Structure formats: C-alpha cells, structure tokens
C-alpha cells in the first residue's frame, strides 16, 4: 500500500510539472506573442520583467509548487531505478532516508529563494 501511495504522488508530481512547464513556456518563451506578466516589454528576461514576476504571489507559489513536484518526481524516479539493482532492505531504507533529507534541504533552500525574491531585504 505504501508503494502505491508513493507511485500516486509520483504521477501527480508529473502532472504538476507538465502544467507548470506549460505556464512557464507561455510566460517566458512566448512572451513576445502573449505579453503575459511582462510589463517592461517583450524581453522576458529583462530585469524589470523578472522582478515583476518575482514579486507576484502567483509566481512565488508556482515556483514552490514546481520545485516540490520536480524534487519528488526526480528523487522518487532515482530511488526506483536504484531499487531495481536489487538492494537489500536496510540499504533501501537508508537510501530512502538520504533522499528524503537531501530533498527536504533542497526544498527549504529553494523555497527560501522564492520567498526572499519577493522581498530583497530578506536575502543572505
């Protein structure tokens, strides 16, 4: 049952990545066509446009969601591939724990970066 729950979250994370990758493409790479979220003109990587999106709560939440989904999807996929090598149960538990810790540390760091981009005074 536990593996089924992990697999379900893996699929959900893949869908989240797909949806937010589409939003990313529409916002950044098709900005000359759509003009969404680029008040300073069609150059999506111009500082004014990047700063505007970084202060927008929708994008901060989007960055955090895609970060979590990408980390989970990637680390679960890596875990599954390594498990197919035939590891014994203690090694499987250790690998799972290591991946969770590394994933959480990266998630905390990335979340801090996304949130602090809204308020430059928060940066280290």
PDB file of N, CA and C in Angstrom:
ATOM      1  N   UNK A   1       0.817  -1.194   0.000  1.00  0.00           N
ATOM      2  CA  UNK A   1       0.000   0.000   0.000  1.00  0.00           C
ATOM      3  C   UNK A   1       0.862   1.260   0.000  1.00  0.00           C
ATOM      4  N   UNK A   2       1.981   1.216   0.734  1.00  0.00           N
ATOM      5  CA  UNK A   2       2.861   2.375   0.828  1.00  0.00           C
ATOM      6  C   UNK A   2       3.433   2.733  -0.543  1.00  0.00           C
ATOM      7  N   UNK A   3       3.883   1.726  -1.300  1.00  0.00           N
ATOM      8  CA  UNK A   3       4.443   1.982  -2.629  1.00  0.00           C
ATOM      9  C   UNK A   3       3.385   2.540  -3.577  1.00  0.00           C
ATOM     10  N   UNK A   4       2.138   2.116  -3.420  1.00  0.00           N
ATOM     11  CA  UNK A   4       1.059   2.652  -4.248  1.00  0.00           C
ATOM     12  C   UNK A   4       0.874   4.137  -3.985  1.00  0.00           C
ATOM     13  N   UNK A   5       0.957   4.541  -2.729  1.00  0.00           N
ATOM     14  CA  UNK A   5       0.839   5.962  -2.387  1.00  0.00           C
ATOM     15  C   UNK A   5       2.011   6.743  -2.977  1.00  0.00           C
ATOM     16  N   UNK A   6       3.224   6.202  -2.872  1.00  0.00           N
ATOM     17  CA  UNK A   6       4.391   6.869  -3.460  1.00  0.00           C
ATOM     18  C   UNK A   6       4.216   7.029  -4.972  1.00  0.00           C
ATOM     19  N   UNK A   7       3.734   5.967  -5.610  1.00  0.00           N
ATOM     20  CA  UNK A   7       3.544   5.991  -7.061  1.00  0.00           C
ATOM     21  C   UNK A   7       2.475   7.014  -7.442  1.00  0.00           C
ATOM     22  N   UNK A   8       1.403   7.093  -6.671  1.00  0.00           N
ATOM     23  CA  UNK A   8       0.343   8.061  -6.944  1.00  0.00           C
ATOM     24  C   UNK A   8       0.888   9.485  -6.869  1.00  0.00           C
ATOM     25  N   UNK A   9       1.678   9.776  -5.840  1.00  0.00           N
ATOM     26  CA  UNK A   9       2.282  11.104  -5.719  1.00  0.00           C
ATOM     27  C   UNK A   9       3.270  11.363  -6.855  1.00  0.00           C
ATOM     28  N   UNK A  10       3.940  10.328  -7.329  1.00  0.00           N
ATOM     29  CA  UNK A  10       4.856  10.446  -8.461  1.00  0.00           C
ATOM     30  C   UNK A  10       4.099  10.900  -9.710  1.00  0.00           C
ATOM     31  N   UNK A  11       2.933  10.304  -9.962  1.00  0.00           N
ATOM     32  CA  UNK A  11       2.102  10.664 -11.114  1.00  0.00           C
ATOM     33  C   UNK A  11       1.569  12.082 -10.952  1.00  0.00           C
ATOM     34  N   UNK A  12       1.080  12.416  -9.759  1.00  0.00           N
ATOM     35  CA  UNK A  12       0.564  13.766  -9.503  1.00  0.00           C
ATOM     36  C   UNK A  12       1.673  14.799  -9.715  1.00  0.00           C
ATOM     37  N   UNK A  13       2.870  14.498  -9.231  1.00  0.00           N
ATOM     38  CA  UNK A  13       4.004  15.412  -9.419  1.00  0.00           C
ATOM     39  C   UNK A  13       4.306  15.595 -10.904  1.00  0.00           C
ATOM     40  N   UNK A  14       4.216  14.528 -11.674  1.00  0.00           N
ATOM     41  CA  UNK A  14       4.434  14.627 -13.119  1.00  0.00           C
ATOM     42  C   UNK A  14       3.413  15.526 -13.791  1.00  0.00           C
ATOM     43  N   UNK A  15       2.160  15.433 -13.375  1.00  0.00           N
ATOM     44  CA  UNK A  15       1.107  16.295 -13.926  1.00  0.00           C
ATOM     45  C   UNK A  15       1.364  17.756 -13.552  1.00  0.00           C
ATOM     46  N   UNK A  16       1.739  17.996 -12.304  1.00  0.00           N
ATOM     47  CA  UNK A  16       2.047  19.365 -11.856  1.00  0.00           C
ATOM     48  C   UNK A  16       3.206  19.934 -12.676  1.00  0.00           C
ATOM     49  N   UNK A  17       4.235  19.143 -12.895  1.00  0.00           N
ATOM     50  CA  UNK A  17       5.374  19.594 -13.703  1.00  0.00           C
ATOM     51  C   UNK A  17       4.910  19.936 -15.114  1.00  0.00           C
ATOM     52  N   UNK A  18       4.081  19.093 -15.700  1.00  0.00           N
ATOM     53  CA  UNK A  18       3.580  19.317 -17.057  1.00  0.00           C
ATOM     54  C   UNK A  18       2.791  20.624 -17.142  1.00  0.00           C
ATOM     55  N   UNK A  19       1.889  20.852 -16.193  1.00  0.00           N
ATOM     56  CA  UNK A  19       1.052  22.059 -16.198  1.00  0.00           C
ATOM     57  C   UNK A  19       1.909  23.306 -16.020  1.00  0.00           C
ATOM     58  N   UNK A  20       2.781  23.291 -15.025  1.00  0.00           N
ATOM     59  CA  UNK A  20       3.580  24.481 -14.759  1.00  0.00           C
ATOM     60  C   UNK A  20       4.669  24.691 -15.806  1.00  0.00           C
ATOM     61  N   UNK A  21       5.113  23.644 -16.470  1.00  0.00           N
ATOM     62  CA  UNK A  21       6.040  23.824 -17.592  1.00  0.00           C
ATOM     63  C   UNK A  21       5.324  24.553 -18.728  1.00  0.00           C
ATOM     64  N   UNK A  22       4.053  24.240 -18.941  1.00  0.00           N
ATOM     65  CA  UNK A  22       3.260  24.958 -19.944  1.00  0.00           C
ATOM     66  C   UNK A  22       3.096  26.422 -19.599  1.00  0.00           C
ATOM     67  N   UNK A  23       2.828  26.705 -18.334  1.00  0.00           N
ATOM     68  CA  UNK A  23       2.720  28.097 -17.887  1.00  0.00           C
ATOM     69  C   UNK A  23       4.058  28.811 -18.079  1.00  0.00           C
ATOM     70  N   UNK A  24       5.139  28.124 -17.760  1.00  0.00           N
ATOM     71  CA  UNK A  24       6.478  28.701 -17.924  1.00  0.00           C
ATOM     72  C   UNK A  24       6.737  29.044 -19.393  1.00  0.00           C
ATOM     73  N   UNK A  25       6.435  28.123 -20.288  1.00  0.00           N
ATOM     74  CA  UNK A  25       6.668  28.363 -21.715  1.00  0.00           C
ATOM     75  C   UNK A  25       5.824  29.537 -22.198  1.00  0.00           C
ATOM     76  N   UNK A  26       4.546  29.573 -21.810  1.00  0.00           N
ATOM     77  CA  UNK A  26       3.669  30.665 -22.236  1.00  0.00           C
ATOM     78  C   UNK A  26       4.135  32.005 -21.687  1.00  0.00           C
ATOM     79  N   UNK A  27       4.632  32.008 -20.475  1.00  0.00           N
ATOM     80  CA  UNK A  27       5.025  33.257 -19.824  1.00  0.00           C
ATOM     81  C   UNK A  27       6.391  33.750 -20.280  1.00  0.00           C
ATOM     82  N   UNK A  28       7.347  32.858 -20.350  1.00  0.00           N
ATOM     83  CA  UNK A  28       8.724  33.275 -20.613  1.00  0.00           C
ATOM     84  C   UNK A  28       9.091  33.172 -22.091  1.00  0.00           C
ATOM     85  N   UNK A  29       8.879  32.041 -22.685  1.00  0.00           N
ATOM     86  CA  UNK A  29       9.371  31.822 -24.038  1.00  0.00           C
ATOM     87  C   UNK A  29       8.434  32.323 -25.126  1.00  0.00           C
ATOM     88  N   UNK A  30       7.160  32.509 -24.813  1.00  0.00           N
ATOM     89  CA  UNK A  30       6.218  33.064 -25.786  1.00  0.00           C
ATOM     90  C   UNK A  30       5.788  34.467 -25.391  1.00  0.00           C
ATOM     91  N   UNK A  31       6.606  35.148 -24.620  1.00  0.00           N
ATOM     92  CA  UNK A  31       6.221  36.458 -24.094  1.00  0.00           C
ATOM     93  C   UNK A  31       6.029  37.489 -25.195  1.00  0.00           C
ATOM     94  N   UNK A  32       6.752  37.361 -26.296  1.00  0.00           N
ATOM     95  CA  UNK A  32       6.573  38.307 -27.393  1.00  0.00           C
ATOM     96  C   UNK A  32       5.191  38.154 -28.019  1.00  0.00           C
ATOM     97  N   UNK A  33       4.645  36.940 -27.976  1.00  0.00           N
ATOM     98  CA  UNK A  33       3.320  36.681 -28.537  1.00  0.00           C
ATOM     99  C   UNK A  33       2.231  36.984 -27.515  1.00  0.00           C
ATOM    100  N   UNK A  34       2.398  36.461 -26.308  1.00  0.00           N
ATOM    101  CA  UNK A  34       1.339  36.595 -25.305  1.00  0.00           C
ATOM    102  C   UNK A  34       1.424  37.896 -24.527  1.00  0.00           C
ATOM    103  N   UNK A  35       2.631  38.325 -24.184  1.00  0.00           N
ATOM    104  CA  UNK A  35       2.808  39.543 -23.404  1.00  0.00           C
ATOM    105  C   UNK A  35       2.403  39.414 -21.950  1.00  0.00           C
ATOM    106  N   UNK A  36       2.117  38.192 -21.493  1.00  0.00           N
ATOM    107  CA  UNK A  36       1.705  37.984 -20.108  1.00  0.00           C
ATOM    108  C   UNK A  36       2.851  38.284 -19.152  1.00  0.00           C
ATOM    109  N   UNK A  37       2.554  38.975 -18.102  1.00  0.00           N
ATOM    110  CA  UNK A  37       3.470  39.187 -16.978  1.00  0.00           C
ATOM    111  C   UNK A  37       4.800  39.817 -17.383  1.00  0.00           C
ATOM    112  N   UNK A  38       4.779  40.610 -18.422  1.00  0.00           N
ATOM    113  CA  UNK A  38       5.985  41.304 -18.861  1.00  0.00           C
ATOM    114  C   UNK A  38       5.662  42.774 -19.110  1.00  0.00           C
ATOM    115  N   UNK A  39       5.502  43.559 -18.058  1.00  0.00           N
ATOM    116  CA  UNK A  39       5.099  44.957 -18.232  1.00  0.00           C
ATOM    117  C   UNK A  39       6.167  45.833 -18.881  1.00  0.00           C
ATOM    118  N   UNK A  40       7.422  45.385 -18.876  1.00  0.00           N
ATOM    119  CA  UNK A  40       8.506  46.200 -19.428  1.00  0.00           C
ATOM    120  C   UNK A  40       8.814  45.858 -20.879  1.00  0.00           C
ATOM    121  N   UNK A  41       7.921  45.155 -21.549  1.00  0.00           N
ATOM    122  CA  UNK A  41       8.143  44.816 -22.948  1.00  0.00           C
ATOM    123  C   UNK A  41       8.330  43.329 -23.162  1.00  0.00           C
ATOM    124  N   UNK A  42       8.578  42.937 -24.416  1.00  0.00           N
ATOM    125  CA  UNK A  42       8.595  41.510 -24.760  1.00  0.00           C
ATOM    126  C   UNK A  42       9.816  40.729 -24.278  1.00  0.00           C
ATOM    127  N   UNK A  43      10.864  41.406 -23.834  1.00  0.00           N
ATOM    128  CA  UNK A  43      12.059  40.693 -23.371  1.00  0.00           C
ATOM    129  C   UNK A  43      11.780  40.119 -21.977  1.00  0.00           C
ATOM    130  N   UNK A  44      11.480  38.830 -21.927  1.00  0.00           N
ATOM    131  CA  UNK A  44      11.048  38.214 -20.664  1.00  0.00           C
ATOM    132  C   UNK A  44      12.150  38.129 -19.616  1.00  0.00           C
ATOM    133  N   UNK A  45      13.407  38.200 -20.034  1.00  0.00           N
ATOM    134  CA  UNK A  45      14.494  38.128 -19.060  1.00  0.00           C
ATOM    135  C   UNK A  45      15.040  39.504 -18.692  1.00  0.00           C
ATOM    136  N   UNK A  46      14.371  40.559 -19.147  1.00  0.00           N
ATOM    137  CA  UNK A  46      14.755  41.905 -18.708  1.00  0.00           C
ATOM    138  C   UNK A  46      14.513  41.999 -17.205  1.00  0.00           C
ATOM    139  N   UNK A  47      15.396  42.691 -16.507  1.00  0.00           N
ATOM    140  CA  UNK A  47      15.325  42.745 -15.054  1.00  0.00           C
ATOM    141  C   UNK A  47      13.959  43.200 -14.554  1.00  0.00           C
ATOM    142  N   UNK A  48      13.350  44.188 -15.202  1.00  0.00           N
ATOM    143  CA  UNK A  48      12.052  44.697 -14.762  1.00  0.00           C
ATOM    144  C   UNK A  48      10.991  43.600 -14.817  1.00  0.00           C
ATOM    145  N   UNK A  49      11.019  42.787 -15.872  1.00  0.00           N
ATOM    146  CA  UNK A  49      10.049  41.699 -16.002  1.00  0.00           C
ATOM    147  C   UNK A  49      10.305  40.587 -14.988  1.00  0.00           C
ATOM    148  N   UNK A  50      11.564  40.248 -14.792  1.00  0.00           N
ATOM    149  CA  UNK A  50      11.909  39.214 -13.804  1.00  0.00           C
ATOM    150  C   UNK A  50      11.508  39.674 -12.408  1.00  0.00           C
ATOM    151  N   UNK A  51      11.809  40.924 -12.081  1.00  0.00           N
ATOM    152  CA  UNK A  51      11.452  41.468 -10.763  1.00  0.00           C
ATOM    153  C   UNK A  51       9.940  41.500 -10.585  1.00  0.00           C
ATOM    154  N   UNK A  52       9.210  41.860 -11.633  1.00  0.00           N
ATOM    155  CA  UNK A  52       7.747  41.890 -11.556  1.00  0.00           C
ATOM    156  C   UNK A  52       7.198  40.498 -11.234  1.00  0.00           C
ATOM    157  N   UNK A  53       7.693  39.483 -11.953  1.00  0.00           N
ATOM    158  CA  UNK A  53       7.210  38.120 -11.705  1.00  0.00           C
ATOM    159  C   UNK A  53       7.634  37.622 -10.331  1.00  0.00           C
ATOM    160  N   UNK A  54       8.828  37.995  -9.888  1.00  0.00           N
ATOM    161  CA  UNK A  54       9.311  37.543  -8.579  1.00  0.00           C
ATOM    162  C   UNK A  54       8.493  38.122  -7.436  1.00  0.00           C
ATOM    163  N   UNK A  55       7.927  39.306  -7.633  1.00  0.00           N
ATOM    164  CA  UNK A  55       7.099  39.921  -6.590  1.00  0.00           C
ATOM    165  C   UNK A  55       5.643  39.474  -6.669  1.00  0.00           C
ATOM    166  N   UNK A  56       5.273  38.791  -7.735  1.00  0.00           N
ATOM    167  CA  UNK A  56       3.901  38.346  -7.933  1.00  0.00           C
ATOM    168  C   UNK A  56       3.671  37.060  -7.128  1.00  0.00           C
ATOM    169  N   UNK A  57       2.697  37.073  -6.228  1.00  0.00           N
ATOM    170  CA  UNK A  57       2.445  35.921  -5.354  1.00  0.00           C
ATOM    171  C   UNK A  57       2.130  34.654  -6.150  1.00  0.00           C
ATOM    172  N   UNK A  58       1.431  34.788  -7.277  1.00  0.00           N
ATOM    173  CA  UNK A  58       1.125  33.627  -8.114  1.00  0.00           C
ATOM    174  C   UNK A  58       2.410  32.915  -8.537  1.00  0.00           C
ATOM    175  N   UNK A  59       3.409  33.685  -8.947  1.00  0.00           N
ATOM    176  CA  UNK A  59       4.655  33.071  -9.401  1.00  0.00           C
ATOM    177  C   UNK A  59       5.456  32.489  -8.250  1.00  0.00           C
ATOM    178  N   UNK A  60       5.451  33.144  -7.114  1.00  0.00           N
ATOM    179  CA  UNK A  60       6.163  32.596  -5.953  1.00  0.00           C
ATOM    180  C   UNK A  60       5.574  31.236  -5.583  1.00  0.00           C
ATOM    181  N   UNK A  61       4.244  31.162  -5.528  1.00  0.00           N
ATOM    182  CA  UNK A  61       3.584  29.884  -5.223  1.00  0.00           C
ATOM    183  C   UNK A  61       3.870  28.869  -6.323  1.00  0.00           C
ATOM    184  N   UNK A  62       3.851  29.317  -7.576  1.00  0.00           N
ATOM    185  CA  UNK A  62       4.143  28.416  -8.699  1.00  0.00           C
ATOM    186  C   UNK A  62       5.553  27.855  -8.610  1.00  0.00           C
ATOM    187  N   UNK A  63       6.520  28.724  -8.286  1.00  0.00           N
ATOM    188  CA  UNK A  63       7.907  28.266  -8.163  1.00  0.00           C
ATOM    189  C   UNK A  63       8.035  27.211  -7.070  1.00  0.00           C
ATOM    190  N   UNK A  64       7.365  27.436  -5.953  1.00  0.00           N
ATOM    191  CA  UNK A  64       7.444  26.490  -4.837  1.00  0.00           C
ATOM    192  C   UNK A  64       6.772  25.169  -5.203  1.00  0.00           C
ATOM    193  N   UNK A  65       5.613  25.233  -5.872  1.00  0.00           N
ATOM    194  CA  UNK A  65       4.921  24.004  -6.282  1.00  0.00           C
ATOM    195  C   UNK A  65       5.752  23.198  -7.277  1.00  0.00           C
ATOM    196  N   UNK A  66       6.305  23.868  -8.271  1.00  0.00           N
ATOM    197  CA  UNK A  66       7.082  23.124  -9.264  1.00  0.00           C
ATOM    198  C   UNK A  66       8.384  22.603  -8.659  1.00  0.00           C
ATOM    199  N   UNK A  67       8.956  23.345  -7.721  1.00  0.00           N
ATOM    200  CA  UNK A  67      10.154  22.861  -7.023  1.00  0.00           C
ATOM    201  C   UNK A  67       9.853  21.570  -6.275  1.00  0.00           C
ATOM    202  N   UNK A  68       8.787  21.573  -5.490  1.00  0.00           N
ATOM    203  CA  UNK A  68       8.414  20.376  -4.737  1.00  0.00           C
ATOM    204  C   UNK A  68       8.092  19.206  -5.650  1.00  0.00           C
ATOM    205  N   UNK A  69       7.333  19.484  -6.713  1.00  0.00           N
ATOM    206  CA  UNK A  69       6.963  18.419  -7.647  1.00  0.00           C
ATOM    207  C   UNK A  69       8.193  17.857  -8.354  1.00  0.00           C
ATOM    208  N   UNK A  70       9.084  18.735  -8.798  1.00  0.00           N
ATOM    209  CA  UNK A  70      10.276  18.274  -9.518  1.00  0.00           C
ATOM    210  C   UNK A  70      11.206  17.476  -8.606  1.00  0.00           C
ATOM    211  N   UNK A  71      11.387  17.949  -7.378  1.00  0.00           N
ATOM    212  CA  UNK A  71      12.241  17.207  -6.443  1.00  0.00           C
ATOM    213  C   UNK A  71      11.657  15.835  -6.138  1.00  0.00           C
ATOM    214  N   UNK A  72      10.359  15.784  -5.835  1.00  0.00           N
ATOM    215  CA  UNK A  72       9.744  14.494  -5.518  1.00  0.00           C
ATOM    216  C   UNK A  72       9.812  13.564  -6.724  1.00  0.00           C
ATOM    217  N   UNK A  73       9.418  14.078  -7.887  1.00  0.00           N
ATOM    218  CA  UNK A  73       9.386  13.260  -9.096  1.00  0.00           C
ATOM    219  C   UNK A  73      10.789  12.727  -9.423  1.00  0.00           C
ATOM    220  N   UNK A  74      11.782  13.590  -9.337  1.00  0.00           N
ATOM    221  CA  UNK A  74      13.146  13.182  -9.654  1.00  0.00           C
ATOM    222  C   UNK A  74      13.729  12.202  -8.655  1.00  0.00           C
ATOM    223  N   UNK A  75      13.562  12.499  -7.365  1.00  0.00           N
ATOM    224  CA  UNK A  75      14.134  11.617  -6.346  1.00  0.00           C
ATOM    225  C   UNK A  75      13.393  10.286  -6.260  1.00  0.00           C
ATOM    226  N   UNK A  76      12.071  10.292  -6.466  1.00  0.00           N
ATOM    227  CA  UNK A  76      11.351   9.018  -6.467  1.00  0.00           C
ATOM    228  C   UNK A  76      11.783   8.183  -7.677  1.00  0.00           C
ATOM    229  N   UNK A  77      11.953   8.829  -8.824  1.00  0.00           N
ATOM    230  CA  UNK A  77      12.430   8.114 -10.007  1.00  0.00           C
ATOM    231  C   UNK A  77      13.820   7.538  -9.795  1.00  0.00           C
ATOM    232  N   UNK A  78      14.716   8.322  -9.198  1.00  0.00           N
ATOM    233  CA  UNK A  78      16.067   7.835  -8.886  1.00  0.00           C
ATOM    234  C   UNK A  78      16.007   6.664  -7.915  1.00  0.00           C
ATOM    235  N   UNK A  79      15.180   6.793  -6.893  1.00  0.00           N
ATOM    236  CA  UNK A  79      15.013   5.723  -5.897  1.00  0.00           C
ATOM    237  C   UNK A  79      14.530   4.438  -6.567  1.00  0.00           C
ATOM    238  N   UNK A  80      13.573   4.560  -7.453  1.00  0.00           N
ATOM    239  CA  UNK A  80      13.027   3.391  -8.149  1.00  0.00           C
ATOM    240  C   UNK A  80      14.091   2.718  -9.011  1.00  0.00           C
ATOM    241  N   UNK A  81      14.873   3.504  -9.717  1.00  0.00           N
ATOM    242  CA  UNK A  81      15.936   2.950 -10.563  1.00  0.00           C
ATOM    243  C   UNK A  81      16.973   2.220  -9.711  1.00  0.00           C
ATOM    244  N   UNK A  82      17.394   2.837  -8.606  1.00  0.00           N
ATOM    245  CA  UNK A  82      18.404   2.208  -7.742  1.00  0.00           C
ATOM    246  C   UNK A  82      17.845   0.946  -7.089  1.00  0.00           C
ATOM    247  N   UNK A  83      16.566   0.964  -6.707  1.00  0.00           N
ATOM    248  CA  UNK A  83      15.953  -0.228  -6.099  1.00  0.00           C
ATOM    249  C   UNK A  83      15.955  -1.406  -7.065  1.00  0.00           C
ATOM    250  N   UNK A  84      15.881  -1.141  -8.364  1.00  0.00           N
ATOM    251  CA  UNK A  84      15.885  -2.223  -9.350  1.00  0.00           C
ATOM    252  C   UNK A  84      17.237  -2.929  -9.430  1.00  0.00           C
ATOM    253  N   UNK A  85      18.248  -2.361  -8.795  1.00  0.00           N
ATOM    254  CA  UNK A  85      19.563  -3.009  -8.763  1.00  0.00           C
ATOM    255  C   UNK A  85      19.599  -4.172  -7.784  1.00  0.00           C
ATOM    256  N   UNK A  86      18.543  -4.339  -6.995  1.00  0.00           N
ATOM    257  CA  UNK A  86      18.457  -5.463  -6.074  1.00  0.00           C
ATOM    258  C   UNK A  86      19.033  -5.195  -4.701  1.00  0.00           C
ATOM    259  N   UNK A  87      18.873  -3.995  -4.202  1.00  0.00           N
ATOM    260  CA  UNK A  87      19.374  -3.674  -2.863  1.00  0.00           C
ATOM    261  C   UNK A  87      18.608  -4.427  -1.787  1.00  0.00           C
ATOM    262  N   UNK A  88      19.292  -4.741  -0.715  1.00  0.00           N
ATOM    263  CA  UNK A  88      18.641  -5.381   0.433  1.00  0.00           C
ATOM    264  C   UNK A  88      17.868  -4.325   1.217  1.00  0.00           C
ATOM    265  N   UNK A  89      16.969  -4.784   2.083  1.00  0.00           N
ATOM    266  CA  UNK A  89      16.063  -3.887   2.799  1.00  0.00           C
ATOM    267  C   UNK A  89      16.766  -2.788   3.606  1.00  0.00           C
ATOM    268  N   UNK A  90      17.837  -3.084   4.362  1.00  0.00           N
ATOM    269  CA  UNK A  90      18.499  -1.991   5.101  1.00  0.00           C
ATOM    270  C   UNK A  90      19.052  -0.900   4.177  1.00  0.00           C
ATOM    271  N   UNK A  91      19.609  -1.305   3.047  1.00  0.00           N
ATOM    272  CA  UNK A  91      20.133  -0.329   2.087  1.00  0.00           C
ATOM    273  C   UNK A  91      19.000   0.489   1.472  1.00  0.00           C
ATOM    274  N   UNK A  92      17.867  -0.151   1.236  1.00  0.00           N
ATOM    275  CA  UNK A  92      16.702   0.571   0.701  1.00  0.00           C
ATOM    276  C   UNK A  92      16.220   1.632   1.681  1.00  0.00           C
ATOM    277  N   UNK A  93      16.151   1.258   2.954  1.00  0.00           N
ATOM    278  CA  UNK A  93      15.717   2.225   3.976  1.00  0.00           C
ATOM    279  C   UNK A  93      16.695   3.386   4.071  1.00  0.00           C
ATOM    280  N   UNK A  94      17.979   3.075   4.047  1.00  0.00           N
ATOM    281  CA  UNK A  94      18.999   4.127   4.131  1.00  0.00           C
ATOM    282  C   UNK A  94      18.920   5.072   2.936  1.00  0.00           C
ATOM    283  N   UNK A  95      18.796   4.504   1.742  1.00  0.00           N
ATOM    284  CA  UNK A  95      18.699   5.327   0.540  1.00  0.00           C
ATOM    285  C   UNK A  95      17.458   6.211   0.586  1.00  0.00           C
ATOM    286  N   UNK A  96      16.336   5.642   0.997  1.00  0.00           N
ATOM    287  CA  UNK A  96      15.101   6.422   1.100  1.00  0.00           C
ATOM    288  C   UNK A  96      15.272   7.577   2.079  1.00  0.00           C
ATOM    289  N   UNK A  97      15.883   7.309   3.228  1.00  0.00           N
ATOM    290  CA  UNK A  97      16.101   8.361   4.228  1.00  0.00           C
ATOM    291  C   UNK A  97      17.028   9.445   3.685  1.00  0.00           C
ATOM    292  N   UNK A  98      18.092   9.043   3.019  1.00  0.00           N
ATOM    293  CA  UNK A  98      19.036  10.020   2.459  1.00  0.00           C
ATOM    294  C   UNK A  98      18.347  10.895   1.416  1.00  0.00           C
ATOM    295  N   UNK A  99      17.569  10.279   0.540  1.00  0.00           N
ATOM    296  CA  UNK A  99      16.879  11.055  -0.492  1.00  0.00           C
ATOM    297  C   UNK A  99      15.861  12.015   0.111  1.00  0.00           C
ATOM    298  N   UNK A 100      15.159  11.589   1.156  1.00  0.00           N
ATOM    299  CA  UNK A 100      14.208  12.483   1.828  1.00  0.00           C
ATOM    300  C   UNK A 100      14.928  13.672   2.449  1.00  0.00           C
ATOM    301  N   UNK A 101      16.037  13.424   3.124  1.00  0.00           N
ATOM    302  CA  UNK A 101      16.773  14.518   3.779  1.00  0.00           C
ATOM    303  C   UNK A 101      17.315  15.493   2.732  1.00  0.00           C
ATOM    304  N   UNK A 102      17.960  14.971   1.694  1.00  0.00           N
ATOM    305  CA  UNK A 102      18.503  15.838   0.645  1.00  0.00           C
ATOM    306  C   UNK A 102      17.375  16.616  -0.036  1.00  0.00           C
ATOM    307  N   UNK A 103      16.274  15.939  -0.322  1.00  0.00           N
ATOM    308  CA  UNK A 103      15.134  16.602  -0.949  1.00  0.00           C
ATOM    309  C   UNK A 103      14.554  17.708  -0.087  1.00  0.00           C
ATOM    310  N   UNK A 104      14.420  17.448   1.212  1.00  0.00           N
ATOM    311  CA  UNK A 104      13.887  18.473   2.115  1.00  0.00           C
ATOM    312  C   UNK A 104      14.828  19.669   2.232  1.00  0.00           C
ATOM    313  N   UNK A 105      16.125  19.406   2.306  1.00  0.00           N
ATOM    314  CA  UNK A 105      17.092  20.511   2.378  1.00  0.00           C
ATOM    315  C   UNK A 105      17.011  21.364   1.108  1.00  0.00           C
ATOM    316  N   UNK A 106      16.975  20.720  -0.051  1.00  0.00           N
ATOM    317  CA  UNK A 106      16.866  21.462  -1.305  1.00  0.00           C
ATOM    318  C   UNK A 106      15.541  22.216  -1.398  1.00  0.00           C
ATOM    319  N   UNK A 107      14.465  21.595  -0.911  1.00  0.00           N
ATOM    320  CA  UNK A 107      13.160  22.257  -0.936  1.00  0.00           C
ATOM    321  C   UNK A 107      13.159  23.490  -0.036  1.00  0.00           C
ATOM    322  N   UNK A 108      13.728  23.373   1.146  1.00  0.00           N
ATOM    323  CA  UNK A 108      13.790  24.519   2.068  1.00  0.00           C
ATOM    324  C   UNK A 108      14.628  25.641   1.452  1.00  0.00           C
ATOM    325  N   UNK A 109      15.769  25.300   0.884  1.00  0.00           N
ATOM    326  CA  UNK A 109      16.631  26.302   0.260  1.00  0.00           C
ATOM    327  C   UNK A 109      15.916  26.985  -0.911  1.00  0.00           C
ATOM    328  N   UNK A 110      15.282  26.195  -1.769  1.00  0.00           N
ATOM    329  CA  UNK A 110      14.574  26.753  -2.923  1.00  0.00           C
ATOM    330  C   UNK A 110      13.370  27.583  -2.527  1.00  0.00           C
ATOM    331  N   UNK A 111      12.649  27.143  -1.493  1.00  0.00           N
ATOM    332  CA  UNK A 111      11.503  27.909  -1.003  1.00  0.00           C
ATOM    333  C   UNK A 111      11.963  29.241  -0.434  1.00  0.00           C
ATOM    334  N   UNK A 112      13.054  29.218   0.305  1.00  0.00           N
ATOM    335  CA  UNK A 112      13.615  30.465   0.837  1.00  0.00           C
ATOM    336  C   UNK A 112      13.983  31.413  -0.308  1.00  0.00           C
ATOM    337  N   UNK A 113      14.592  30.880  -1.360  1.00  0.00           N
ATOM    338  CA  UNK A 113      14.976  31.714  -2.502  1.00  0.00           C
ATOM    339  C   UNK A 113      13.747  32.318  -3.171  1.00  0.00           C
ATOM    340  N   UNK A 114      12.690  31.529  -3.345  1.00  0.00           N
ATOM    341  CA  UNK A 114      11.475  32.037  -3.984  1.00  0.00           C
ATOM    342  C   UNK A 114      10.805  33.107  -3.134  1.00  0.00           C
ATOM    343  N   UNK A 115      10.730  32.871  -1.832  1.00  0.00           N
ATOM    344  CA  UNK A 115      10.076  33.832  -0.943  1.00  0.00           C
ATOM    345  C   UNK A 115      10.923  35.096  -0.803  1.00  0.00           C
ATOM    346  N   UNK A 116      12.223  34.942  -0.670  1.00  0.00           N
ATOM    347  CA  UNK A 116      13.074  36.123  -0.491  1.00  0.00           C
ATOM    348  C   UNK A 116      13.149  36.961  -1.759  1.00  0.00           C
ATOM    349  N   UNK A 117      12.842  36.386  -2.914  1.00  0.00           N
ATOM    350  CA  UNK A 117      12.848  37.181  -4.143  1.00  0.00           C
ATOM    351  C   UNK A 117      11.716  38.209  -4.143  1.00  0.00           C
ATOM    352  N   UNK A 118      10.670  37.963  -3.356  1.00  0.00           N
ATOM    353  CA  UNK A 118       9.592  38.955  -3.212  1.00  0.00           C
ATOM    354  C   UNK A 118      10.056  40.141  -2.400  1.00  0.00           C
ATOM    355  N   UNK A 119      10.994  39.916  -1.482  1.00  0.00           N
ATOM    356  CA  UNK A 119      11.474  40.965  -0.598  1.00  0.00           C
ATOM    357  C   UNK A 119      12.999  40.907  -0.567  1.00  0.00           C
ATOM    358  N   UNK A 120      13.682  41.698  -1.401  1.00  0.00           N
ATOM    359  CA  UNK A 120      15.150  41.622  -1.465  1.00  0.00           C
ATOM    360  C   UNK A 120      15.844  41.853  -0.130  1.00  0.00           C
ATOM    361  N   UNK A 121      15.187  42.462   0.839  1.00  0.00           N
ATOM    362  CA  UNK A 121      15.805  42.689   2.150  1.00  0.00           C
ATOM    363  C   UNK A 121      16.027  41.379   2.901  1.00  0.00           C
ATOM    364  N   UNK A 122      15.341  40.299   2.493  1.00  0.00           N
ATOM    365  CA  UNK A 122      15.468  39.000   3.164  1.00  0.00           C
ATOM    366  C   UNK A 122      16.686  38.207   2.710  1.00  0.00           C
ATOM    367  N   UNK A 123      17.324  38.596   1.627  1.00  0.00           N
ATOM    368  CA  UNK A 123      18.415  37.785   1.090  1.00  0.00           C
ATOM    369  C   UNK A 123      19.601  37.758   2.040  1.00  0.00           C
ATOM    370  N   UNK A 124      20.376  36.678   1.935  1.00  0.00           N
ATOM    371  CA  UNK A 124      21.535  36.497   2.817  1.00  0.00           C
ATOM    372  C   UNK A 124      22.634  37.483   2.523  1.00  0.00           C
TER     373      UNK A 124
END
